[in-house]
Amino acid sequence: MKNDQVIATAVAPVHEKASFLSEMVTQGLMWESVSILRKKNNWCQATMEDEYEGWVHDSYLSESHINSQDSLILTNRCTPLRSKRGRDSQVLALLSFATVVPLIEKTSGYWTIQLINGAEGFIPAQYMDVSNSRDNLISLATSLIGTPYLWGGKSSFGYDCSGFVQMVLKSVGVSFPRDASQQINFKNLEEISMEDSLPGDLVYFSENNRINHVAFIVEDGRILHSSGEVKLESIIEGKTRFNNKLAKLNHTFISLSGIIQE
């Protein structure tokens, strides 16, 4: 059995097993296409757009026929989806950063998008710099500071470390793997020294030859990552917000020059 459906809610949990008591391993965002591999009661084993697999309860899924030829990736941290134009209209959902929505029309103040059921919905105008550059990447990542940590999270309501990196890169047009252990082996990446790293590059942390954390490099040993919350810290002793625990781990610095603009 294999058929495609979409995530019908703003955020949907994806579990390791077909149970709400099972560990959440990742999330899906509204309109994300999922390929259903098999069903078990009210659960669907599915492959997400990033090829990650898990179990999704069918209450989060819907068939959808997207009529719009255009799409838009949301760059606001949180976007209210409304039934009509204007701040007084009903909020249908709060959409996460990096949700890809079917765009119908851009008008002053509010833009028209397609809802899951084919009707029209309205979102406020978005920050529209989605250039594939280091400056823009760091700007978008910084806008998420304070977002709480959530194991398996990849929405701006809660991120784990690799979900944060994946979705920030998605917002500038880079499709990146889900887990840190997959990311470090992604094509067109090059290992570099910390001295050669630039803002937007990545540092992976490992212990006993196991990757267990990832962060964006900002500059001068400062990192932007999700640990407790999305925050700025340093791995250089004596610097403000020094993280002693991460500083003691093994570091692998990775250049993103092969996939983003300088």
Protein backbone atom coordinates (compact mmCIF):
# COMPACT_ATOMS: atom_id res chain seq x y z
CA MET A 1 0.00 0.00 0.00
CA LYS A 2 1.35 3.42 -0.90
CA ASN A 3 -0.51 6.67 -1.37
CA ASP A 4 0.21 10.34 -0.71
CA GLN A 5 -1.57 12.53 1.78
CA VAL A 6 -0.69 15.82 3.47
CA ILE A 7 -0.34 17.01 7.04
CA ALA A 8 -3.64 18.73 7.84
CA THR A 9 -2.70 20.49 11.10
CA ALA A 10 -0.16 23.22 11.80
CA VAL A 11 2.19 20.65 13.34
CA ALA A 12 1.82 16.87 13.57
CA PRO A 13 3.84 14.53 15.79
CA VAL A 14 5.54 11.57 14.14
CA HIS A 15 6.17 8.65 16.49
CA GLU A 16 8.59 5.75 16.51
CA LYS A 17 5.73 3.28 16.93
CA ALA A 18 1.96 3.33 16.34
CA SER A 19 1.12 4.81 19.73
CA PHE A 20 0.87 8.24 21.34
CA LEU A 21 2.94 6.76 24.19
CA SER A 22 5.79 6.05 21.78
CA GLU A 23 8.69 8.46 21.39
CA MET A 24 8.15 11.40 19.03
CA VAL A 25 10.98 11.16 16.50
CA THR A 26 10.11 14.12 14.26
CA GLN A 27 7.21 16.34 13.15
CA GLY A 28 5.38 17.27 9.98
CA LEU A 29 4.18 20.76 9.08
CA MET A 30 0.89 21.66 7.40
CA TRP A 31 0.74 20.82 3.67
CA GLU A 32 3.78 18.57 3.93
CA SER A 33 3.32 15.56 1.65
CA VAL A 34 3.68 12.14 3.25
CA SER A 35 3.81 8.76 1.55
CA ILE A 36 1.74 6.16 3.40
CA LEU A 37 3.50 2.80 3.53
CA ARG A 38 0.96 0.82 5.56
CA LYS A 39 -1.82 1.26 8.11
CA LYS A 40 -2.33 -0.17 11.55
CA ASN A 41 -5.68 0.65 13.13
CA ASN A 42 -5.84 4.48 13.03
CA TRP A 43 -2.11 4.87 12.47
CA CYS A 44 -0.14 5.26 9.24
CA GLN A 45 3.49 4.35 8.77
CA ALA A 46 4.70 7.18 6.57
CA THR A 47 7.72 8.61 4.81
CA MET A 48 8.04 12.36 5.27
CA GLU A 49 9.30 14.79 2.62
CA ASP A 50 12.83 14.54 4.06
CA GLU A 51 12.61 10.72 3.74
CA TYR A 52 12.34 10.26 7.49
CA GLU A 53 9.97 7.46 8.50
CA GLY A 54 7.61 7.17 11.43
CA TRP A 55 4.02 6.65 12.51
CA VAL A 56 1.38 9.38 12.14
CA HIS A 57 -2.14 9.16 13.55
CA ASP A 58 -4.64 9.54 10.71
CA SER A 59 -6.35 12.46 12.50
CA TYR A 60 -3.39 14.58 11.37
CA LEU A 61 -3.69 13.58 7.71
CA SER A 62 -5.89 14.56 4.81
CA GLU A 63 -6.20 14.15 1.09
CA SER A 64 -5.63 17.47 -0.59
CA HIS A 65 -5.67 18.75 -4.14
CA ILE A 66 -3.49 21.82 -4.35
CA ASN A 67 -4.81 24.10 -7.07
CA SER A 68 -2.25 26.89 -6.77
CA GLN A 69 0.82 26.81 -9.01
CA ASP A 70 2.77 29.02 -6.60
CA SER A 71 4.05 28.33 -3.12
CA LEU A 72 5.59 30.36 -0.33
CA ILE A 73 7.80 29.41 2.59
CA LEU A 74 6.86 31.21 5.80
CA THR A 75 9.72 33.13 7.38
CA ASN A 76 7.82 34.75 10.24
CA ARG A 77 8.36 32.89 13.48
CA CYS A 78 4.64 32.33 13.92
CA THR A 79 1.95 33.14 11.34
CA PRO A 80 -1.78 33.31 12.16
CA LEU A 81 -3.89 31.72 9.44
CA ARG A 82 -7.22 33.56 9.33
CA SER A 83 -10.61 32.89 7.78
CA LYS A 84 -10.81 36.46 6.41
CA ARG A 85 -8.54 39.45 5.92
CA GLY A 86 -7.98 41.51 9.02
CA ARG A 87 -6.88 41.02 12.62
CA ASP A 88 -10.43 40.67 13.89
CA SER A 89 -11.20 37.56 11.85
CA GLN A 90 -11.11 34.01 13.18
CA VAL A 91 -7.69 32.37 13.59
CA LEU A 92 -7.84 28.92 12.01
CA ALA A 93 -4.30 27.88 12.94
CA LEU A 94 -0.92 29.22 14.00
CA LEU A 95 1.60 28.20 11.37
CA SER A 96 5.26 27.49 12.04
CA PHE A 97 8.33 29.08 10.52
CA ALA A 98 9.35 27.18 7.34
CA THR A 99 5.84 25.93 6.56
CA VAL A 100 5.38 25.82 2.78
CA VAL A 101 1.93 27.13 1.82
CA PRO A 102 0.10 27.18 -1.55
CA LEU A 103 -0.02 30.86 -2.53
CA ILE A 104 -2.99 32.26 -4.44
CA GLU A 105 -2.49 36.02 -4.33
CA LYS A 106 -0.41 38.72 -2.67
CA THR A 107 -2.33 41.83 -1.73
CA SER A 108 -1.60 44.69 0.61
CA GLY A 109 -1.43 43.57 4.23
CA TYR A 110 -2.78 40.04 3.81
CA TRP A 111 -1.95 37.29 1.35
CA THR A 112 -4.38 34.64 0.14
CA ILE A 113 -3.42 30.98 0.42
CA GLN A 114 -5.21 27.69 -0.12
CA LEU A 115 -6.54 25.75 2.85
CA ILE A 116 -6.36 21.98 3.10
CA ASN A 117 -10.05 21.72 2.11
CA GLY A 118 -9.49 23.85 -1.00
CA ALA A 119 -11.03 27.03 0.41
CA GLU A 120 -9.14 30.30 0.83
CA GLY A 121 -7.33 31.47 3.95
CA PHE A 122 -5.37 34.60 4.75
CA ILE A 123 -1.98 35.27 6.31
CA PRO A 124 -0.19 38.54 7.11
CA ALA A 125 2.54 39.58 4.69
CA GLN A 126 5.85 37.81 5.30
CA TYR A 127 9.45 38.90 5.61
CA MET A 128 10.48 38.09 2.06
CA ASP A 129 14.28 37.90 1.99
CA VAL A 130 14.78 34.19 1.30
CA SER A 131 18.15 34.64 -0.41
CA ASN A 132 20.51 31.72 -0.10
CA SER A 133 23.20 33.71 1.73
CA ARG A 134 25.09 33.45 5.00
CA ASP A 135 23.79 36.80 6.24
CA ASN A 136 20.19 35.83 5.62
CA LEU A 137 20.67 32.38 7.13
CA ILE A 138 22.03 33.85 10.37
CA SER A 139 19.31 36.52 10.41
CA LEU A 140 16.56 33.90 10.12
CA ALA A 141 18.20 31.59 12.68
CA THR A 142 18.59 34.49 15.13
CA SER A 143 14.88 35.34 14.77
CA LEU A 144 14.14 31.99 16.44
CA ILE A 145 16.11 32.70 19.64
CA GLY A 146 14.04 31.73 22.67
CA THR A 147 12.15 28.91 20.94
CA PRO A 148 11.97 26.06 23.48
CA TYR A 149 13.80 22.77 23.03
CA LEU A 150 11.64 19.79 22.09
CA TRP A 151 12.96 16.31 21.40
CA GLY A 152 11.92 15.44 17.84
CA GLY A 153 10.75 19.02 17.26
CA LYS A 154 11.11 20.80 13.92
CA SER A 155 8.64 23.67 14.33
CA SER A 156 9.04 27.13 15.81
CA PHE A 157 6.95 25.94 18.76
CA GLY A 158 9.85 23.63 19.73
CA TYR A 159 13.08 22.40 18.09
CA ASP A 160 15.67 19.79 18.77
CA CYS A 161 19.20 20.67 17.66
CA SER A 162 19.12 19.03 14.23
CA GLY A 163 15.51 20.03 13.55
CA PHE A 164 16.51 23.67 14.13
CA VAL A 165 19.38 23.41 11.65
CA GLN A 166 17.27 21.54 9.10
CA MET A 167 14.42 24.05 9.10
CA VAL A 168 16.60 27.17 9.01
CA LEU A 169 18.37 25.75 5.96
CA LYS A 170 14.99 24.85 4.45
CA SER A 171 13.94 28.50 4.82
CA VAL A 172 16.78 29.54 2.47
CA GLY A 173 16.03 26.82 -0.06
CA VAL A 174 18.36 24.02 1.08
CA SER A 175 16.88 20.53 1.56
CA PHE A 176 18.90 19.04 4.41
CA PRO A 177 18.67 15.70 6.25
CA ARG A 178 16.78 15.38 9.54
CA ASP A 179 19.31 13.94 12.02
CA ALA A 180 22.77 15.27 12.88
CA SER A 181 24.36 11.92 12.04
CA GLN A 182 22.84 12.16 8.55
CA GLN A 183 23.59 15.86 8.09
CA ILE A 184 27.35 15.59 8.62
CA ASN A 185 27.55 13.22 5.63
CA PHE A 186 25.47 15.38 3.29
CA LYS A 187 26.82 15.94 -0.21
CA ASN A 188 28.97 18.97 -1.07
CA LEU A 189 30.05 19.63 2.53
CA GLU A 190 33.70 20.04 3.52
CA GLU A 191 35.37 19.62 6.90
CA ILE A 192 37.34 22.70 7.94
CA SER A 193 39.11 24.13 10.98
CA MET A 194 37.40 26.44 13.44
CA GLU A 195 39.73 29.24 12.26
CA ASP A 196 38.44 28.83 8.69
CA SER A 197 34.76 28.71 9.65
CA LEU A 198 32.38 31.47 8.59
CA PRO A 199 28.99 32.58 9.95
CA GLY A 200 26.42 29.99 8.93
CA ASP A 201 28.82 27.06 8.93
CA LEU A 202 28.08 24.12 11.21
CA VAL A 203 29.85 22.48 14.12
CA TYR A 204 29.00 18.91 15.11
CA PHE A 205 29.75 17.63 18.60
CA SER A 206 30.58 14.01 19.32
CA GLU A 207 31.45 11.74 22.21
CA ASN A 208 32.75 8.18 21.89
CA ASN A 209 32.58 8.56 18.08
CA ARG A 210 28.86 9.36 18.23
CA ILE A 211 27.44 12.64 16.92
CA ASN A 212 25.11 14.03 19.59
CA HIS A 213 24.68 17.76 18.84
CA VAL A 214 24.90 20.38 16.08
CA ALA A 215 25.05 24.18 16.02
CA PHE A 216 25.45 27.06 13.61
CA ILE A 217 28.70 29.01 13.85
CA VAL A 218 28.12 32.73 14.28
CA GLU A 219 31.65 34.10 14.73
CA ASP A 220 34.62 33.99 17.11
CA GLY A 221 33.62 30.66 18.63
CA ARG A 222 30.03 31.74 19.23
CA ILE A 223 27.35 29.23 18.30
CA LEU A 224 23.59 29.41 17.75
CA HIS A 225 21.84 26.19 18.70
CA SER A 226 18.87 24.54 20.36
CA SER A 227 19.70 23.25 23.83
CA GLY A 228 17.06 24.02 26.43
CA GLU A 229 16.02 26.71 23.98
CA VAL A 230 17.43 28.31 20.85
CA LYS A 231 20.25 30.49 22.15
CA LEU A 232 23.67 32.04 21.56
CA GLU A 233 26.61 30.58 23.48
CA SER A 234 30.36 30.18 23.07
CA ILE A 235 32.71 27.20 22.97
CA ILE A 236 35.73 29.41 23.73
CA GLU A 237 36.66 29.57 27.42
CA GLY A 238 36.55 33.08 28.81
CA LYS A 239 33.94 34.27 26.33
CA THR A 240 30.43 35.34 27.33
CA ARG A 241 28.00 32.43 27.80
CA PHE A 242 30.75 29.82 27.64
CA ASN A 243 29.33 26.29 27.40
CA ASN A 244 31.85 24.13 29.23
CA LYS A 245 30.04 20.86 28.45
CA LEU A 246 30.09 21.38 24.68
CA ALA A 247 33.63 22.74 24.76
CA LYS A 248 34.86 19.43 26.19
CA LEU A 249 33.34 17.34 23.38
CA ASN A 250 35.00 16.55 20.06
CA HIS A 251 34.24 19.17 17.41
CA THR A 252 33.86 18.76 13.64
CA PHE A 253 33.53 22.02 11.74
CA ILE A 254 31.70 21.82 8.43
CA SER A 255 31.68 24.48 5.69
CA LEU A 256 28.39 25.16 3.92
CA SER A 257 30.15 26.91 1.03
CA GLY A 258 29.09 24.11 -1.30
CA ILE A 259 25.37 24.69 -0.70
CA ILE A 260 24.92 28.39 0.20
CA GLN A 261 26.18 31.68 -1.18
CA GLU A 262 29.13 33.47 0.38
